[in-house]
């Protein structure tokens, strides 16, 4: 009579390998989803940084106007009608940036002057509206890295759900 041998049978080892493969497959799907959501959140955070930069440019323009200078970025509030200006993201000084979380460069307007119909480069539309004697500014952004974008979105609506892949 032979003695008992210790160990696993080939069938048992194959069953363990199959179970591990299934668990790994589910983990990869979960991690991919988390990474995509993180990238979208970072893209939206970049858009908010550009919007804050636009606010700073408009405030600097207002201060310059009070000192008798001219304005470049702030829409005029003196005409009594709604006025709009466009700020290219190229003009917004950020400490870092230029690349999206997807590794692509944000598309700059360079020598193109954006308009309301522009969808080929990244910019911010600033609108001045006169209410009584006060002037209020509203900001909308169009941010693209040539693969992903945030279509025209009001400042208070910018979030990860607005980031879409271009078709």
Foldseek 3Di string as FASTA:
>chain_A
DDDDDDDDDPVVVVVVVVVVVVVVVVVVVVVVVVLLLVLLQQQLVVVLVLVVLLVVLQVVQVVCVVVVHHHDRHFDPPPQAKGKAKAWSVPRDDPDAQAGSVGAGKFTCVPNGDDPPDQRHKIKMWMWHDDPNDIDIWIWIWIDRPFKIQHTDTSVGRGSVSIDGDD
